[in-house]
Every structure is written in structure tokens, then in C-alpha cells.
Amino acid sequence: MTHKVAVLGTGKIGEALLSGMIRAGWAPQDLLVTARRPERAEELRSRYGVTPVTNPEAAKTADTLILTVKPQDMTTLLEELAPHIPTGRLVISGAAGITTSLVEEHLAQGTPVVRVMTNTPALVDEAMSVISAGSHASQADLAHAEEIFGAVGKTLRVPEAQQDACTALSGSGPAYFFYLVEAMTDAGILLGLPRDKAHDLIVQSAIGAATMLRDSGEHPVKLRENVTSPAGTTINAIRELENHGVRAALIAALEAARDRSRELASGSSS
């Protein structure tokens, strides 16, 4: 038996998921897509061989629905889908801040819902996708979600109560690193380096540091201490970071992101 999966509202993340699934062995003919603009849907058909459909058609024919629309568009999409989703259809929500209970409220009683927060490194198969079960989702539903999102990176199951924190940490996380690289590049220019050389130095340092964190098994404090010699350059830089409250600023930033995720869950778009 074939298992049809529909990606609804196929933007960059949805497209990354599609391409990852195909590379992982999913047959394009078993993948359905919806898009707001017809030309976008045709672009996806041409590029991947998937089948564009309407949202109601996807709800009627796919075995799994993956909702990748923006949080503010989720309620409208669910109202459109609700009359067409058969009992037992697995619904995966990928919108930041949208709870499984909100999705369940709009669908038939007993519909299995799984919440997934992924991030933009899905575009390069290095995503971190965090998965939580709704009230009616089974272990098999969670495993299926892991199979799909495992095509574009790593997955982690967490209780849904931790989803807002995960959104702040990994969902928005890539932006913090891009911001840091941007600031360090500007610093490199200030220190006299051409922009392209400063960029290359920082990006490779970031890749190397991330690989060490992943593969060494060492605590980040230990890895930092290995670079920090007495009265050296690194400890002077660390002192300035502490003097300027960088650690406290990061904690405050993550709290702000978590709080915004909670606001989205409550329906606030302002």
C-alpha cells in the first residue's frame, strides 16, 4: 500500500521537507502539495514531480496532512479542511505557537494531531525538529512524524509544554547564530580585514566549533577552557562579553522568543 502525504502551504520549509523526503526514498507520486499561488504549485510540480491539489482535495485523499502555513493563517486553513478530513487522518502542525488542542478543536473528535517545530537548516538537511503528541496521537503517529522530518535532519520528542521553549531555542535559534556572525564580520572589518576574508574565517570557525560540540561529547565550558589560556587573547575577549552582559542578553532574548510563542498560541498577532 502507498501512503500519501500532503504538504499544505508549501513555502521554503515545506519545499525543503518535500525534497528531503524524495531524497530519502519517498515516491514523488505519493506526495501532494498545496500553495496559495497556482504558479507556485506548478513550480513544485515541475521541480519535484509532486502533485498540486487544493486544500480540500488534500484533506480527502492524503493519509497524512502536514500544515506548514504561518500561525496567523492556521485557523482559516483548519476551517477549510475540517469538513473534508476523515476520521483517523493524521494531522501534523508545523506552525510556531499553535497548540495541538487548538488544531483538535477545529477537527472531528479523536483526530490524531502531532505538533512539530523545525527550523531553516532543513534546507541543508541539518534541521532540528521537535515533536509532541496531541491528545489522540499514538506512538505510531509520532514515529511516522519522526520518519518524515528525519529526512531533513534530527528529531527530538518532548512534552508539548516544552514546545515554546524549544521554539525559542532551536526554532528561532539559527537567526541568533546568523546575527552573531554578522556582528563578528563587522568586528573583523573594524580590525582591518576585508569583508570576504572575515566572513570565511568566522563561518569556518563556527562549523568547526559546532562539529566539536556535536562529536566530542565535551561540555561547552570544557571546550571553551581549552581555548582560553592564562592572560591570553581569549580571556580578554570573554571578559568584555561578560562586562557587556552578553550572557544575560541571550537569556532575555530567549525568554522573549518563548513569550511570543505563547502569545501566538493565544491568538495574539500584534
C-alpha atoms as a PDB file:
ATOM      1  CA  MET A   1       0.000   0.000   0.000  1.00  0.00           C
ATOM      2  CA  THR A   2       1.137   3.510  -0.761  1.00  0.00           C
ATOM      3  CA  HIS A   3       0.957   6.203   1.887  1.00  0.00           C
ATOM      4  CA  LYS A   4       0.156   9.637   0.543  1.00  0.00           C
ATOM      5  CA  VAL A   5       1.485  12.720   2.321  1.00  0.00           C
ATOM      6  CA  ALA A   6       0.257  16.249   1.603  1.00  0.00           C
ATOM      7  CA  VAL A   7       2.204  19.382   2.446  1.00  0.00           C
ATOM      8  CA  LEU A   8      -0.179  22.309   2.754  1.00  0.00           C
ATOM      9  CA  GLY A   9       1.038  25.877   2.288  1.00  0.00           C
ATOM     10  CA  THR A  10       4.318  24.842   0.706  1.00  0.00           C
ATOM     11  CA  GLY A  11       6.842  27.621   1.353  1.00  0.00           C
ATOM     12  CA  LYS A  12      10.585  27.260   1.888  1.00  0.00           C
ATOM     13  CA  ILE A  13      10.320  24.837   4.805  1.00  0.00           C
ATOM     14  CA  GLY A  14       7.614  22.811   3.103  1.00  0.00           C
ATOM     15  CA  GLU A  15       9.700  22.587  -0.060  1.00  0.00           C
ATOM     16  CA  ALA A  16      12.768  21.566   1.933  1.00  0.00           C
ATOM     17  CA  LEU A  17      10.694  18.815   3.527  1.00  0.00           C
ATOM     18  CA  LEU A  18       9.466  17.618   0.131  1.00  0.00           C
ATOM     19  CA  SER A  19      12.936  17.479  -1.386  1.00  0.00           C
ATOM     20  CA  GLY A  20      14.313  15.738   1.703  1.00  0.00           C
ATOM     21  CA  MET A  21      11.578  13.108   1.619  1.00  0.00           C
ATOM     22  CA  ILE A  22      12.263  12.389  -2.042  1.00  0.00           C
ATOM     23  CA  ARG A  23      15.996  12.011  -1.365  1.00  0.00           C
ATOM     24  CA  ALA A  24      15.089   9.662   1.494  1.00  0.00           C
ATOM     25  CA  GLY A  25      13.153   7.420  -0.896  1.00  0.00           C
ATOM     26  CA  TRP A  26       9.586   8.727  -0.928  1.00  0.00           C
ATOM     27  CA  ALA A  27       7.973   8.440  -4.360  1.00  0.00           C
ATOM     28  CA  PRO A  28       7.020  11.852  -5.823  1.00  0.00           C
ATOM     29  CA  GLN A  29       3.663  10.438  -6.951  1.00  0.00           C
ATOM     30  CA  ASP A  30       2.789   9.846  -3.283  1.00  0.00           C
ATOM     31  CA  LEU A  31       3.442  13.485  -2.349  1.00  0.00           C
ATOM     32  CA  LEU A  32       0.747  16.148  -2.714  1.00  0.00           C
ATOM     33  CA  VAL A  33       1.241  19.892  -2.322  1.00  0.00           C
ATOM     34  CA  THR A  34      -0.928  22.950  -1.952  1.00  0.00           C
ATOM     35  CA  ALA A  35       0.165  26.549  -2.470  1.00  0.00           C
ATOM     36  CA  ARG A  36      -1.572  29.903  -2.359  1.00  0.00           C
ATOM     37  CA  ARG A  37      -0.456  30.827  -5.886  1.00  0.00           C
ATOM     38  CA  PRO A  38      -1.095  28.472  -8.844  1.00  0.00           C
ATOM     39  CA  GLU A  39       2.284  29.333 -10.376  1.00  0.00           C
ATOM     40  CA  ARG A  40       3.995  28.229  -7.177  1.00  0.00           C
ATOM     41  CA  ALA A  41       2.177  24.897  -7.282  1.00  0.00           C
ATOM     42  CA  GLU A  42       3.225  24.359 -10.890  1.00  0.00           C
ATOM     43  CA  GLU A  43       6.815  25.247  -9.997  1.00  0.00           C
ATOM     44  CA  LEU A  44       6.803  22.468  -7.382  1.00  0.00           C
ATOM     45  CA  ARG A  45       5.289  20.002  -9.866  1.00  0.00           C
ATOM     46  CA  SER A  46       7.974  20.813 -12.424  1.00  0.00           C
ATOM     47  CA  ARG A  47      10.840  20.679  -9.934  1.00  0.00           C
ATOM     48  CA  TYR A  48       9.918  17.540  -7.957  1.00  0.00           C
ATOM     49  CA  GLY A  49       7.227  15.671  -9.864  1.00  0.00           C
ATOM     50  CA  VAL A  50       4.739  16.061  -6.984  1.00  0.00           C
ATOM     51  CA  THR A  51       1.014  16.608  -7.492  1.00  0.00           C
ATOM     52  CA  PRO A  52      -0.568  20.016  -6.784  1.00  0.00           C
ATOM     53  CA  VAL A  53      -4.057  19.834  -5.305  1.00  0.00           C
ATOM     54  CA  THR A  54      -6.485  22.093  -3.461  1.00  0.00           C
ATOM     55  CA  ASN A  55      -6.647  22.047   0.319  1.00  0.00           C
ATOM     56  CA  PRO A  56      -9.962  20.116   0.375  1.00  0.00           C
ATOM     57  CA  GLU A  57      -8.576  17.576  -2.138  1.00  0.00           C
ATOM     58  CA  ALA A  58      -5.518  17.068   0.058  1.00  0.00           C
ATOM     59  CA  ALA A  59      -7.727  16.516   3.110  1.00  0.00           C
ATOM     60  CA  LYS A  60      -9.816  13.911   1.278  1.00  0.00           C
ATOM     61  CA  THR A  61      -7.029  11.899  -0.356  1.00  0.00           C
ATOM     62  CA  ALA A  62      -3.813  12.131   1.701  1.00  0.00           C
ATOM     63  CA  ASP A  63      -3.115   9.772   4.621  1.00  0.00           C
ATOM     64  CA  THR A  64      -1.022  12.427   6.406  1.00  0.00           C
ATOM     65  CA  LEU A  65      -1.509  16.195   6.270  1.00  0.00           C
ATOM     66  CA  ILE A  66       1.410  18.494   7.128  1.00  0.00           C
ATOM     67  CA  LEU A  67       0.277  22.066   7.794  1.00  0.00           C
ATOM     68  CA  THR A  68       3.131  24.494   7.132  1.00  0.00           C
ATOM     69  CA  VAL A  69       1.214  27.781   6.935  1.00  0.00           C
ATOM     70  CA  LYS A  70       2.009  30.819   9.080  1.00  0.00           C
ATOM     71  CA  PRO A  71       0.476  30.780  12.597  1.00  0.00           C
ATOM     72  CA  GLN A  72      -1.933  33.597  11.768  1.00  0.00           C
ATOM     73  CA  ASP A  73      -3.311  31.585   8.816  1.00  0.00           C
ATOM     74  CA  MET A  74      -3.827  28.319  10.702  1.00  0.00           C
ATOM     75  CA  THR A  75      -7.396  28.868  11.890  1.00  0.00           C
ATOM     76  CA  THR A  76      -8.593  29.775   8.392  1.00  0.00           C
ATOM     77  CA  LEU A  77      -6.897  26.679   6.955  1.00  0.00           C
ATOM     78  CA  LEU A  78      -8.377  24.389   9.610  1.00  0.00           C
ATOM     79  CA  GLU A  79     -11.876  25.743   8.968  1.00  0.00           C
ATOM     80  CA  GLU A  80     -11.403  24.998   5.264  1.00  0.00           C
ATOM     81  CA  LEU A  81     -10.101  21.483   5.933  1.00  0.00           C
ATOM     82  CA  ALA A  82     -12.434  20.371   8.735  1.00  0.00           C
ATOM     83  CA  PRO A  83     -15.414  19.230   6.604  1.00  0.00           C
ATOM     84  CA  HIS A  84     -13.153  17.074   4.434  1.00  0.00           C
ATOM     85  CA  ILE A  85     -10.828  15.278   6.880  1.00  0.00           C
ATOM     86  CA  PRO A  86     -11.919  11.668   7.520  1.00  0.00           C
ATOM     87  CA  THR A  87     -11.718  10.157  10.984  1.00  0.00           C
ATOM     88  CA  GLY A  88      -8.251   8.899  11.804  1.00  0.00           C
ATOM     89  CA  ARG A  89      -6.363  11.127   9.375  1.00  0.00           C
ATOM     90  CA  LEU A  90      -3.006  12.159  10.883  1.00  0.00           C
ATOM     91  CA  VAL A  91      -2.548  15.940  11.007  1.00  0.00           C
ATOM     92  CA  ILE A  92       0.926  17.378  11.642  1.00  0.00           C
ATOM     93  CA  SER A  93       1.080  21.067  12.557  1.00  0.00           C
ATOM     94  CA  GLY A  94       4.335  22.893  11.843  1.00  0.00           C
ATOM     95  CA  ALA A  95       3.262  26.407  12.822  1.00  0.00           C
ATOM     96  CA  ALA A  96       5.069  28.155  15.682  1.00  0.00           C
ATOM     97  CA  GLY A  97       2.998  28.565  18.822  1.00  0.00           C
ATOM     98  CA  ILE A  98      -0.017  26.623  17.559  1.00  0.00           C
ATOM     99  CA  THR A  99      -1.030  24.017  20.134  1.00  0.00           C
ATOM    100  CA  THR A 100      -2.376  20.577  19.341  1.00  0.00           C
ATOM    101  CA  SER A 101      -5.505  21.431  21.327  1.00  0.00           C
ATOM    102  CA  LEU A 102      -6.218  24.390  19.043  1.00  0.00           C
ATOM    103  CA  VAL A 103      -5.912  22.143  15.998  1.00  0.00           C
ATOM    104  CA  GLU A 104      -8.035  19.431  17.629  1.00  0.00           C
ATOM    105  CA  GLU A 105     -10.791  21.943  18.445  1.00  0.00           C
ATOM    106  CA  HIS A 106     -11.364  22.548  14.738  1.00  0.00           C
ATOM    107  CA  LEU A 107     -11.360  18.893  13.677  1.00  0.00           C
ATOM    108  CA  ALA A 108     -13.504  15.832  14.347  1.00  0.00           C
ATOM    109  CA  GLN A 109     -13.297  14.285  17.804  1.00  0.00           C
ATOM    110  CA  GLY A 110     -10.428  11.805  18.009  1.00  0.00           C
ATOM    111  CA  THR A 111      -8.354  13.192  15.131  1.00  0.00           C
ATOM    112  CA  PRO A 112      -4.667  12.437  15.829  1.00  0.00           C
ATOM    113  CA  VAL A 113      -2.565  15.614  15.841  1.00  0.00           C
ATOM    114  CA  VAL A 114       1.206  15.913  16.152  1.00  0.00           C
ATOM    115  CA  ARG A 115       2.992  19.230  16.664  1.00  0.00           C
ATOM    116  CA  VAL A 116       6.417  19.724  15.081  1.00  0.00           C
ATOM    117  CA  MET A 117       8.741  22.723  15.372  1.00  0.00           C
ATOM    118  CA  THR A 118      11.508  22.502  12.795  1.00  0.00           C
ATOM    119  CA  ASN A 119      13.962  25.173  11.613  1.00  0.00           C
ATOM    120  CA  THR A 120      15.508  26.575   8.445  1.00  0.00           C
ATOM    121  CA  PRO A 121      18.558  24.252   8.357  1.00  0.00           C
ATOM    122  CA  ALA A 122      16.016  21.814   6.913  1.00  0.00           C
ATOM    123  CA  LEU A 123      17.112  23.475   3.664  1.00  0.00           C
ATOM    124  CA  VAL A 124      20.507  21.738   4.032  1.00  0.00           C
ATOM    125  CA  ASP A 125      19.292  18.555   5.793  1.00  0.00           C
ATOM    126  CA  GLU A 126      20.552  19.773   9.184  1.00  0.00           C
ATOM    127  CA  ALA A 127      17.235  20.646  10.816  1.00  0.00           C
ATOM    128  CA  MET A 128      16.363  20.193  14.464  1.00  0.00           C
ATOM    129  CA  SER A 129      12.717  19.122  14.574  1.00  0.00           C
ATOM    130  CA  VAL A 130      10.948  18.883  17.928  1.00  0.00           C
ATOM    131  CA  ILE A 131       7.914  16.583  18.053  1.00  0.00           C
ATOM    132  CA  SER A 132       4.990  16.449  20.514  1.00  0.00           C
ATOM    133  CA  ALA A 133       1.836  14.332  20.610  1.00  0.00           C
ATOM    134  CA  GLY A 134      -1.670  15.665  20.844  1.00  0.00           C
ATOM    135  CA  SER A 135      -4.414  14.022  22.893  1.00  0.00           C
ATOM    136  CA  HIS A 136      -5.195  11.320  20.334  1.00  0.00           C
ATOM    137  CA  ALA A 137      -1.811  10.737  18.668  1.00  0.00           C
ATOM    138  CA  SER A 138      -0.348   7.259  19.043  1.00  0.00           C
ATOM    139  CA  GLN A 139       3.251   6.096  19.242  1.00  0.00           C
ATOM    140  CA  ALA A 140       2.908   5.051  15.599  1.00  0.00           C
ATOM    141  CA  ASP A 141       1.829   8.606  14.704  1.00  0.00           C
ATOM    142  CA  LEU A 142       4.898  10.020  16.460  1.00  0.00           C
ATOM    143  CA  ALA A 143       7.147   7.507  14.723  1.00  0.00           C
ATOM    144  CA  HIS A 144       5.658   8.489  11.366  1.00  0.00           C
ATOM    145  CA  ALA A 145       6.309  12.172  12.076  1.00  0.00           C
ATOM    146  CA  GLU A 146       9.888  11.279  13.004  1.00  0.00           C
ATOM    147  CA  GLU A 147      10.297   9.375   9.744  1.00  0.00           C
ATOM    148  CA  ILE A 148       9.125  12.364   7.715  1.00  0.00           C
ATOM    149  CA  PHE A 149      11.121  15.055   9.495  1.00  0.00           C
ATOM    150  CA  GLY A 150      14.118  12.750   9.907  1.00  0.00           C
ATOM    151  CA  ALA A 151      14.570  13.160   6.153  1.00  0.00           C
ATOM    152  CA  VAL A 152      15.840  16.722   6.744  1.00  0.00           C
ATOM    153  CA  GLY A 153      17.797  16.397   9.998  1.00  0.00           C
ATOM    154  CA  LYS A 154      17.463  15.281  13.597  1.00  0.00           C
ATOM    155  CA  THR A 155      14.280  14.841  15.611  1.00  0.00           C
ATOM    156  CA  LEU A 156      13.552  15.016  19.319  1.00  0.00           C
ATOM    157  CA  ARG A 157      10.365  14.121  21.204  1.00  0.00           C
ATOM    158  CA  VAL A 158       9.348  16.469  24.018  1.00  0.00           C
ATOM    159  CA  PRO A 159       6.196  17.065  26.085  1.00  0.00           C
ATOM    160  CA  GLU A 160       4.137  19.769  24.431  1.00  0.00           C
ATOM    161  CA  ALA A 161       4.585  22.010  27.488  1.00  0.00           C
ATOM    162  CA  GLN A 162       8.229  22.379  26.405  1.00  0.00           C
ATOM    163  CA  GLN A 163       7.445  23.359  22.814  1.00  0.00           C
ATOM    164  CA  ASP A 164       7.527  27.134  23.378  1.00  0.00           C
ATOM    165  CA  ALA A 165      10.980  26.834  24.940  1.00  0.00           C
ATOM    166  CA  CYS A 166      12.151  24.680  22.028  1.00  0.00           C
ATOM    167  CA  THR A 167      10.776  27.231  19.578  1.00  0.00           C
ATOM    168  CA  ALA A 168      12.857  29.904  21.306  1.00  0.00           C
ATOM    169  CA  LEU A 169      15.977  27.739  21.368  1.00  0.00           C
ATOM    170  CA  SER A 170      16.054  25.843  18.077  1.00  0.00           C
ATOM    171  CA  GLY A 171      13.130  27.167  16.027  1.00  0.00           C
ATOM    172  CA  SER A 172      14.478  30.720  16.127  1.00  0.00           C
ATOM    173  CA  GLY A 173      17.997  29.579  17.005  1.00  0.00           C
ATOM    174  CA  PRO A 174      19.607  29.806  13.544  1.00  0.00           C
ATOM    175  CA  ALA A 175      18.800  33.529  13.447  1.00  0.00           C
ATOM    176  CA  TYR A 176      20.828  34.123  16.597  1.00  0.00           C
ATOM    177  CA  PHE A 177      23.883  32.491  15.036  1.00  0.00           C
ATOM    178  CA  PHE A 178      23.440  34.477  11.816  1.00  0.00           C
ATOM    179  CA  TYR A 179      23.202  37.628  13.929  1.00  0.00           C
ATOM    180  CA  LEU A 180      26.395  36.692  15.774  1.00  0.00           C
ATOM    181  CA  VAL A 181      28.240  36.027  12.503  1.00  0.00           C
ATOM    182  CA  GLU A 182      27.030  39.374  11.166  1.00  0.00           C
ATOM    183  CA  ALA A 183      28.358  41.173  14.263  1.00  0.00           C
ATOM    184  CA  MET A 184      31.673  39.303  14.188  1.00  0.00           C
ATOM    185  CA  THR A 185      32.100  40.103  10.485  1.00  0.00           C
ATOM    186  CA  ASP A 186      31.632  43.796  11.245  1.00  0.00           C
ATOM    187  CA  ALA A 187      34.232  43.437  14.001  1.00  0.00           C
ATOM    188  CA  GLY A 188      36.630  41.824  11.551  1.00  0.00           C
ATOM    189  CA  ILE A 189      36.223  44.774   9.184  1.00  0.00           C
ATOM    190  CA  LEU A 190      36.855  47.170  12.076  1.00  0.00           C
ATOM    191  CA  LEU A 191      40.052  45.237  12.819  1.00  0.00           C
ATOM    192  CA  GLY A 192      41.222  45.728   9.248  1.00  0.00           C
ATOM    193  CA  LEU A 193      40.130  42.595   7.401  1.00  0.00           C
ATOM    194  CA  PRO A 194      38.253  42.588   4.070  1.00  0.00           C
ATOM    195  CA  ARG A 195      34.632  41.507   4.468  1.00  0.00           C
ATOM    196  CA  ASP A 196      35.022  38.280   2.447  1.00  0.00           C
ATOM    197  CA  LYS A 197      38.035  37.133   4.460  1.00  0.00           C
ATOM    198  CA  ALA A 198      36.369  37.990   7.781  1.00  0.00           C
ATOM    199  CA  HIS A 199      33.290  36.052   6.672  1.00  0.00           C
ATOM    200  CA  ASP A 200      35.296  32.956   5.682  1.00  0.00           C
ATOM    201  CA  LEU A 201      37.254  32.973   8.947  1.00  0.00           C
ATOM    202  CA  ILE A 202      34.109  33.200  11.070  1.00  0.00           C
ATOM    203  CA  VAL A 203      31.982  30.704   9.138  1.00  0.00           C
ATOM    204  CA  GLN A 204      34.674  28.013   9.190  1.00  0.00           C
ATOM    205  CA  SER A 205      35.302  28.672  12.884  1.00  0.00           C
ATOM    206  CA  ALA A 206      31.561  28.263  13.514  1.00  0.00           C
ATOM    207  CA  ILE A 207      31.421  24.990  11.554  1.00  0.00           C
ATOM    208  CA  GLY A 208      34.458  23.651  13.382  1.00  0.00           C
ATOM    209  CA  ALA A 209      33.135  24.647  16.801  1.00  0.00           C
ATOM    210  CA  ALA A 210      29.704  23.130  16.088  1.00  0.00           C
ATOM    211  CA  THR A 211      31.294  19.883  14.915  1.00  0.00           C
ATOM    212  CA  MET A 212      33.397  19.695  18.084  1.00  0.00           C
ATOM    213  CA  LEU A 213      30.317  20.280  20.226  1.00  0.00           C
ATOM    214  CA  ARG A 214      28.444  17.529  18.404  1.00  0.00           C
ATOM    215  CA  ASP A 215      31.202  14.928  18.153  1.00  0.00           C
ATOM    216  CA  SER A 216      33.489  15.390  21.151  1.00  0.00           C
ATOM    217  CA  GLY A 217      30.986  14.734  23.932  1.00  0.00           C
ATOM    218  CA  GLU A 218      32.653  17.512  25.922  1.00  0.00           C
ATOM    219  CA  HIS A 219      30.741  20.173  27.860  1.00  0.00           C
ATOM    220  CA  PRO A 220      30.921  23.576  26.116  1.00  0.00           C
ATOM    221  CA  VAL A 221      32.628  25.037  29.204  1.00  0.00           C
ATOM    222  CA  LYS A 222      35.426  22.492  28.818  1.00  0.00           C
ATOM    223  CA  LEU A 223      35.815  23.252  25.113  1.00  0.00           C
ATOM    224  CA  ARG A 224      35.915  26.986  25.830  1.00  0.00           C
ATOM    225  CA  GLU A 225      38.514  26.476  28.566  1.00  0.00           C
ATOM    226  CA  ASN A 226      40.690  24.577  26.104  1.00  0.00           C
ATOM    227  CA  VAL A 227      40.918  27.751  24.016  1.00  0.00           C
ATOM    228  CA  THR A 228      41.329  30.094  26.984  1.00  0.00           C
ATOM    229  CA  SER A 229      44.946  30.342  28.098  1.00  0.00           C
ATOM    230  CA  PRO A 230      46.011  32.437  31.129  1.00  0.00           C
ATOM    231  CA  ALA A 231      46.341  36.159  30.348  1.00  0.00           C
ATOM    232  CA  GLY A 232      45.711  35.384  26.666  1.00  0.00           C
ATOM    233  CA  THR A 233      43.606  36.907  23.930  1.00  0.00           C
ATOM    234  CA  THR A 234      40.538  34.746  24.506  1.00  0.00           C
ATOM    235  CA  ILE A 235      40.095  35.519  28.207  1.00  0.00           C
ATOM    236  CA  ASN A 236      40.295  39.225  27.448  1.00  0.00           C
ATOM    237  CA  ALA A 237      37.536  38.837  24.877  1.00  0.00           C
ATOM    238  CA  ILE A 238      35.414  36.745  27.261  1.00  0.00           C
ATOM    239  CA  ARG A 239      35.811  39.418  29.944  1.00  0.00           C
ATOM    240  CA  GLU A 240      34.399  42.032  27.575  1.00  0.00           C
ATOM    241  CA  LEU A 241      31.479  39.784  26.654  1.00  0.00           C
ATOM    242  CA  GLU A 242      30.685  39.379  30.359  1.00  0.00           C
ATOM    243  CA  ASN A 243      31.158  43.119  31.027  1.00  0.00           C
ATOM    244  CA  HIS A 244      28.628  43.891  28.297  1.00  0.00           C
ATOM    245  CA  GLY A 245      26.102  41.399  29.628  1.00  0.00           C
ATOM    246  CA  VAL A 246      26.054  39.153  26.573  1.00  0.00           C
ATOM    247  CA  ARG A 247      25.037  36.069  28.590  1.00  0.00           C
ATOM    248  CA  ALA A 248      22.183  37.951  30.276  1.00  0.00           C
ATOM    249  CA  ALA A 249      21.093  39.417  26.929  1.00  0.00           C
ATOM    250  CA  LEU A 250      20.909  35.938  25.376  1.00  0.00           C
ATOM    251  CA  ILE A 251      18.801  34.633  28.254  1.00  0.00           C
ATOM    252  CA  ALA A 252      16.459  37.626  27.958  1.00  0.00           C
ATOM    253  CA  ALA A 253      16.231  37.165  24.191  1.00  0.00           C
ATOM    254  CA  LEU A 254      15.250  33.509  24.526  1.00  0.00           C
ATOM    255  CA  GLU A 255      12.650  34.378  27.154  1.00  0.00           C
ATOM    256  CA  ALA A 256      11.197  36.980  24.774  1.00  0.00           C
ATOM    257  CA  ALA A 257      11.004  34.415  21.957  1.00  0.00           C
ATOM    258  CA  ARG A 258       9.309  31.901  24.268  1.00  0.00           C
ATOM    259  CA  ASP A 259       6.799  34.519  25.413  1.00  0.00           C
ATOM    260  CA  ARG A 260       5.987  35.416  21.803  1.00  0.00           C
ATOM    261  CA  SER A 261       5.391  31.750  21.022  1.00  0.00           C
ATOM    262  CA  ARG A 262       2.895  31.680  23.892  1.00  0.00           C
ATOM    263  CA  GLU A 263       1.208  34.802  22.540  1.00  0.00           C
ATOM    264  CA  LEU A 264       0.818  33.173  19.128  1.00  0.00           C
ATOM    265  CA  ALA A 265      -0.815  30.195  20.829  1.00  0.00           C
ATOM    266  CA  SER A 266      -3.311  32.542  22.492  1.00  0.00           C
ATOM    267  CA  GLY A 267      -4.194  34.146  19.162  1.00  0.00           C
ATOM    268  CA  SER A 268      -2.316  37.434  19.526  1.00  0.00           C
ATOM    269  CA  SER A 269      -0.812  38.632  16.219  1.00  0.00           C
ATOM    270  CA  SER A 270       0.171  42.159  17.294  1.00  0.00           C
END
